[in-house]
N, C-alpha and C. Protein backbone atom coordinates (compact mmCIF):
# COMPACT_ATOMS: atom_id res chain seq x y z
N MET A 1 0.87 -1.23 0.06
CA MET A 1 -0.02 0.05 0.01
C MET A 1 0.91 1.28 0.03
N LYS A 2 1.98 1.21 0.88
CA LYS A 2 2.88 2.37 0.80
C LYS A 2 3.51 2.69 -0.46
N LYS A 3 3.90 1.59 -1.17
CA LYS A 3 4.65 1.68 -2.46
C LYS A 3 3.69 2.19 -3.48
N MET A 4 2.48 1.74 -3.39
CA MET A 4 1.30 2.31 -4.41
C MET A 4 1.11 3.79 -4.18
N LYS A 5 1.13 4.20 -2.93
CA LYS A 5 0.86 5.60 -2.47
C LYS A 5 2.01 6.54 -2.97
N LYS A 6 3.17 6.02 -2.83
CA LYS A 6 4.44 6.71 -3.35
C LYS A 6 4.37 6.78 -4.88
N GLY A 7 3.95 5.79 -5.49
CA GLY A 7 3.91 5.73 -6.91
C GLY A 7 2.86 6.79 -7.37
N LEU A 8 1.74 6.86 -6.75
CA LEU A 8 0.70 7.91 -7.02
C LEU A 8 1.24 9.27 -6.95
N VAL A 9 1.85 9.57 -5.82
CA VAL A 9 2.44 10.83 -5.54
C VAL A 9 3.44 11.10 -6.59
N ALA A 10 4.24 10.27 -6.88
CA ALA A 10 5.27 10.55 -8.08
C ALA A 10 4.58 10.76 -9.34
N ALA A 11 3.58 10.07 -9.69
CA ALA A 11 2.73 10.12 -10.94
C ALA A 11 2.21 11.57 -10.94
N VAL A 12 1.48 11.92 -9.82
CA VAL A 12 0.83 13.28 -9.80
C VAL A 12 1.89 14.45 -9.98
N THR A 13 3.05 14.32 -9.38
CA THR A 13 4.11 15.27 -9.38
C THR A 13 4.55 15.36 -10.90
N ILE A 14 4.82 14.33 -11.44
CA ILE A 14 5.27 14.24 -12.87
C ILE A 14 4.07 15.06 -13.73
N SER A 15 2.90 14.65 -13.49
CA SER A 15 1.80 15.24 -14.32
C SER A 15 1.69 16.80 -14.05
N ILE A 16 2.04 17.33 -12.94
CA ILE A 16 2.10 18.78 -12.55
C ILE A 16 3.21 19.45 -13.35
N ILE A 17 4.41 18.77 -13.41
CA ILE A 17 5.49 19.26 -14.06
C ILE A 17 5.22 19.32 -15.55
N ALA A 18 4.71 18.23 -16.11
CA ALA A 18 4.45 18.10 -17.52
C ALA A 18 3.35 19.17 -18.02
N LEU A 19 2.31 19.37 -17.19
CA LEU A 19 1.25 20.35 -17.46
C LEU A 19 1.88 21.78 -17.39
N GLY A 20 2.76 22.10 -16.47
CA GLY A 20 3.36 23.40 -16.31
C GLY A 20 4.19 23.60 -17.46
N SER A 21 4.77 22.64 -18.23
CA SER A 21 5.61 22.97 -19.23
C SER A 21 4.81 23.28 -20.51
N LEU A 22 3.58 23.04 -20.52
CA LEU A 22 2.64 23.29 -21.69
C LEU A 22 2.36 24.82 -21.80
N ILE A 23 2.49 25.57 -20.73
CA ILE A 23 2.09 26.95 -20.73
C ILE A 23 3.38 27.74 -20.82
N PRO A 24 3.62 28.55 -21.92
CA PRO A 24 4.89 29.07 -22.09
C PRO A 24 4.90 30.40 -21.10
N ALA A 25 6.14 30.66 -20.78
CA ALA A 25 6.43 31.80 -19.87
C ALA A 25 6.59 33.02 -20.73
N SER A 26 5.93 34.11 -20.37
CA SER A 26 6.10 35.46 -21.01
C SER A 26 5.73 36.51 -19.97
N SER A 27 5.92 37.74 -20.51
CA SER A 27 5.65 38.82 -19.53
C SER A 27 4.07 38.72 -19.07
N ALA A 28 3.14 38.22 -19.89
CA ALA A 28 1.84 38.13 -19.52
C ALA A 28 1.54 36.76 -18.90
N ASN A 29 2.41 35.82 -18.80
CA ASN A 29 2.10 34.75 -18.15
C ASN A 29 3.52 34.21 -17.50
N ALA A 30 3.90 34.95 -16.35
CA ALA A 30 5.15 34.65 -15.83
C ALA A 30 4.99 33.64 -14.71
N ILE A 31 3.81 33.14 -14.28
CA ILE A 31 3.65 32.28 -13.09
C ILE A 31 4.73 31.16 -13.13
N ASN A 32 5.15 30.69 -11.99
CA ASN A 32 6.18 29.66 -11.93
C ASN A 32 6.11 28.94 -10.70
N SER A 33 6.37 27.67 -10.62
CA SER A 33 6.49 26.81 -9.50
C SER A 33 7.71 27.26 -8.69
N VAL A 34 7.48 27.30 -7.27
CA VAL A 34 8.60 27.66 -6.53
C VAL A 34 8.55 26.70 -5.25
N PRO A 35 9.69 26.74 -4.56
CA PRO A 35 9.76 25.86 -3.32
C PRO A 35 8.76 26.58 -2.30
N CYS A 36 8.18 25.76 -1.44
CA CYS A 36 7.18 26.26 -0.59
C CYS A 36 7.90 26.76 0.73
N ASP A 37 8.72 27.78 0.59
CA ASP A 37 9.58 28.18 1.68
C ASP A 37 9.36 29.63 2.00
N SER A 38 8.20 30.17 1.60
CA SER A 38 7.76 31.50 1.97
C SER A 38 6.33 31.63 2.17
N ASP A 39 5.82 32.40 3.20
CA ASP A 39 4.30 32.45 3.43
C ASP A 39 3.78 33.37 2.39
N GLY A 40 4.55 34.13 1.59
CA GLY A 40 4.20 35.04 0.55
C GLY A 40 3.63 34.42 -0.72
N PHE A 41 4.00 32.98 -0.88
CA PHE A 41 3.63 32.30 -2.16
C PHE A 41 2.24 31.74 -2.03
N LEU A 42 1.74 31.42 -3.28
CA LEU A 42 0.48 30.74 -3.30
C LEU A 42 0.75 29.35 -3.07
N LEU A 43 -0.02 28.73 -2.18
CA LEU A 43 0.24 27.20 -1.81
C LEU A 43 -1.17 26.52 -2.03
N PHE A 44 -0.99 25.40 -2.63
CA PHE A 44 -1.98 24.43 -2.68
C PHE A 44 -1.63 23.26 -2.10
N ASN A 45 -2.45 22.53 -1.16
CA ASN A 45 -2.21 21.30 -0.68
C ASN A 45 -2.98 20.34 -1.42
N ILE A 46 -2.44 19.28 -2.09
CA ILE A 46 -3.09 18.44 -2.86
C ILE A 46 -3.57 17.23 -2.18
N ASP A 47 -4.83 17.08 -1.94
CA ASP A 47 -5.37 15.85 -1.37
C ASP A 47 -4.82 15.44 -0.02
N PHE A 48 -4.47 16.44 0.81
CA PHE A 48 -3.83 16.20 2.06
C PHE A 48 -2.45 15.43 2.04
N GLN A 49 -1.94 15.42 0.88
CA GLN A 49 -0.60 14.58 0.71
C GLN A 49 0.66 15.53 0.57
N TYR A 50 0.66 16.54 -0.16
CA TYR A 50 1.88 17.39 -0.37
C TYR A 50 1.40 18.76 -0.93
N ASN A 51 2.31 19.63 -0.70
CA ASN A 51 2.12 21.10 -1.06
C ASN A 51 2.93 21.50 -2.39
N VAL A 52 2.12 22.26 -3.21
CA VAL A 52 2.77 22.83 -4.37
C VAL A 52 2.65 24.47 -4.31
N CYS A 53 3.59 25.13 -4.67
CA CYS A 53 3.68 26.57 -4.49
C CYS A 53 3.96 27.37 -5.77
N PHE A 54 3.33 28.56 -5.92
CA PHE A 54 3.62 29.27 -7.12
C PHE A 54 3.83 30.85 -6.70
N ALA A 55 4.51 31.46 -7.68
CA ALA A 55 4.74 32.93 -7.51
C ALA A 55 4.61 33.66 -8.93
N ASN A 56 4.36 34.84 -8.86
CA ASN A 56 4.27 35.75 -10.02
C ASN A 56 2.92 35.62 -10.70
N SER A 57 2.44 36.70 -11.24
CA SER A 57 1.18 36.69 -11.80
C SER A 57 1.19 35.86 -13.14
N GLY A 58 -0.10 35.27 -13.39
CA GLY A 58 -0.25 34.53 -14.59
C GLY A 58 -1.32 33.48 -14.28
N ALA A 59 -1.52 32.55 -15.27
CA ALA A 59 -2.39 31.52 -15.16
C ALA A 59 -1.75 30.20 -15.40
N LYS A 60 -2.47 29.10 -14.81
CA LYS A 60 -1.97 27.72 -14.95
C LYS A 60 -3.19 26.78 -15.07
N ALA A 61 -3.16 25.82 -15.92
CA ALA A 61 -4.25 24.91 -15.97
C ALA A 61 -3.76 23.53 -15.49
N TRP A 62 -4.67 22.88 -14.96
CA TRP A 62 -4.26 21.43 -14.38
C TRP A 62 -5.13 20.46 -15.20
N GLY A 63 -5.43 20.54 -16.43
CA GLY A 63 -5.98 19.62 -17.34
C GLY A 63 -7.27 18.88 -16.63
N SER A 64 -7.25 17.86 -16.22
CA SER A 64 -8.41 17.00 -15.61
C SER A 64 -8.60 17.42 -14.14
N GLY A 65 -7.83 18.41 -13.72
CA GLY A 65 -7.97 18.90 -12.32
C GLY A 65 -7.18 18.11 -11.25
N MET A 66 -6.96 18.91 -10.16
CA MET A 66 -6.26 18.38 -8.91
C MET A 66 -7.16 18.53 -7.72
N TRP A 67 -7.19 17.55 -6.91
CA TRP A 67 -8.12 17.55 -5.64
C TRP A 67 -7.24 18.36 -4.69
N VAL A 68 -7.80 19.45 -4.23
CA VAL A 68 -7.23 20.41 -3.26
C VAL A 68 -7.91 20.35 -1.94
N SER A 69 -6.96 20.34 -0.82
CA SER A 69 -7.52 20.34 0.42
C SER A 69 -7.20 21.74 1.17
N ARG A 70 -6.44 22.57 0.55
CA ARG A 70 -6.23 23.82 1.19
C ARG A 70 -5.63 24.72 0.07
N ILE A 71 -5.96 26.12 0.22
CA ILE A 71 -5.43 27.11 -0.61
C ILE A 71 -4.95 28.29 0.27
N LEU A 72 -3.73 28.44 0.46
CA LEU A 72 -3.18 29.56 1.18
C LEU A 72 -2.66 30.57 0.12
N THR A 73 -3.31 31.81 0.01
CA THR A 73 -2.94 32.68 -0.94
C THR A 73 -1.75 33.49 -0.83
N GLY A 74 -1.19 33.68 0.46
CA GLY A 74 -0.09 34.42 0.62
C GLY A 74 -0.26 35.86 0.20
N ASN A 75 0.66 36.55 -0.41
CA ASN A 75 0.53 37.80 -0.89
C ASN A 75 0.06 37.89 -2.43
N ASN A 76 -1.02 37.22 -2.64
CA ASN A 76 -1.51 37.13 -3.84
C ASN A 76 -3.11 37.05 -3.96
N ASP A 77 -3.65 37.80 -4.99
CA ASP A 77 -5.18 37.72 -5.18
C ASP A 77 -5.23 36.60 -6.21
N VAL A 78 -6.15 35.71 -6.07
CA VAL A 78 -6.32 34.38 -6.84
C VAL A 78 -7.75 34.23 -7.33
N ASN A 79 -7.85 33.96 -8.53
CA ASN A 79 -9.00 33.36 -9.17
C ASN A 79 -8.66 31.86 -9.39
N TRP A 80 -9.77 31.13 -9.15
CA TRP A 80 -9.65 29.51 -9.40
C TRP A 80 -10.90 29.07 -9.86
N TRP A 81 -10.77 27.88 -10.65
CA TRP A 81 -11.91 27.45 -11.38
C TRP A 81 -12.06 26.02 -10.86
N ALA A 82 -13.31 25.64 -10.45
CA ALA A 82 -13.62 24.30 -9.91
C ALA A 82 -14.82 23.82 -10.73
N ASP A 83 -15.31 22.65 -10.21
CA ASP A 83 -16.41 22.09 -10.94
C ASP A 83 -17.66 23.05 -10.86
N ASP A 84 -17.85 23.91 -9.83
CA ASP A 84 -18.83 24.84 -9.83
C ASP A 84 -18.58 26.33 -10.30
N GLY A 85 -17.59 26.47 -11.07
CA GLY A 85 -17.26 27.77 -11.70
C GLY A 85 -16.03 28.38 -11.03
N LYS A 86 -16.09 29.76 -11.34
CA LYS A 86 -14.98 30.62 -10.89
C LYS A 86 -15.16 31.14 -9.47
N HIS A 87 -14.02 31.18 -8.79
CA HIS A 87 -14.02 31.77 -7.51
C HIS A 87 -12.86 32.70 -7.32
N PHE A 88 -13.02 33.81 -6.30
CA PHE A 88 -11.96 34.68 -6.01
C PHE A 88 -11.53 34.46 -4.59
N LEU A 89 -10.19 34.62 -4.34
CA LEU A 89 -9.81 34.48 -2.91
C LEU A 89 -8.66 35.61 -2.74
N PRO A 90 -8.99 36.57 -1.98
CA PRO A 90 -7.95 37.71 -1.88
C PRO A 90 -6.65 37.30 -0.94
N ARG A 91 -5.73 38.06 -1.08
CA ARG A 91 -4.44 37.71 -0.48
C ARG A 91 -4.56 37.57 0.99
N TRP A 92 -3.67 36.82 1.67
CA TRP A 92 -3.53 36.53 3.02
C TRP A 92 -4.72 35.73 3.54
N ASN A 93 -5.24 34.85 2.75
CA ASN A 93 -6.46 34.02 3.12
C ASN A 93 -5.99 32.50 3.21
N ASP A 94 -6.56 31.75 4.03
CA ASP A 94 -6.14 30.41 4.20
C ASP A 94 -7.55 29.67 4.16
N LEU A 95 -7.80 28.99 2.99
CA LEU A 95 -8.99 28.26 2.77
C LEU A 95 -8.80 26.81 2.96
N ARG A 96 -9.56 26.17 3.88
CA ARG A 96 -9.22 24.69 4.05
C ARG A 96 -10.55 23.88 3.78
N PHE A 97 -10.44 22.75 3.18
CA PHE A 97 -11.53 21.83 2.96
C PHE A 97 -11.42 20.75 3.74
N PRO A 98 -12.46 20.29 4.56
CA PRO A 98 -12.30 19.38 5.62
C PRO A 98 -12.05 17.86 5.25
N THR A 99 -12.58 17.43 4.04
CA THR A 99 -12.44 16.06 3.69
C THR A 99 -11.76 15.89 2.38
N VAL A 100 -11.22 14.70 2.19
CA VAL A 100 -10.52 14.32 1.06
C VAL A 100 -11.40 14.34 -0.29
N ARG A 101 -10.96 14.87 -1.31
CA ARG A 101 -11.71 14.91 -2.68
C ARG A 101 -12.98 15.84 -2.48
N THR A 102 -12.84 17.01 -1.89
CA THR A 102 -13.96 17.76 -1.72
C THR A 102 -14.04 18.83 -2.98
N VAL A 103 -12.87 19.28 -3.31
CA VAL A 103 -12.75 20.39 -4.39
C VAL A 103 -11.76 20.01 -5.30
N ARG A 104 -12.10 19.88 -6.67
CA ARG A 104 -11.19 19.67 -7.66
C ARG A 104 -10.99 21.01 -8.53
N ILE A 105 -9.81 21.48 -8.56
CA ILE A 105 -9.44 22.68 -9.20
C ILE A 105 -8.86 22.44 -10.61
N TYR A 106 -9.44 23.10 -11.62
CA TYR A 106 -8.98 22.84 -12.97
C TYR A 106 -7.93 23.82 -13.40
N SER A 107 -8.01 25.11 -13.06
CA SER A 107 -7.04 26.22 -13.37
C SER A 107 -7.21 27.20 -12.26
N PHE A 108 -6.13 28.05 -12.34
CA PHE A 108 -6.12 29.24 -11.31
C PHE A 108 -5.16 30.33 -11.94
N GLU A 109 -5.31 31.48 -11.49
CA GLU A 109 -4.79 32.60 -11.94
C GLU A 109 -4.27 33.60 -10.63
N ILE A 110 -3.06 33.83 -10.72
CA ILE A 110 -2.60 34.87 -9.78
C ILE A 110 -2.83 36.32 -10.35
N ILE A 111 -3.56 37.13 -9.80
CA ILE A 111 -3.74 38.44 -10.53
C ILE A 111 -3.16 39.62 -9.79
């Protein structure tokens, strides 16, 4: 069971990296993945398993979506799209979802 969980985490991480490479970086879309070592970054906790962080304005798509259990906006205003549409979360907010697989986010934008 532990090996299967590690394999799933590795597969999801590779998927995130692959999806991130599909969006070209430019002045209009300079968002990038960063280590989660500052409270000023946008942080997503993925299905209570691991964190991914982003900095700089721009948009990112997650294809078929990622199950998110926490959004910590840091010093960022964020739009995010889930099954029920578009949402806005202002800077310095910490939004937590209490159960596994509650919210699937398909894309987000740091504005």
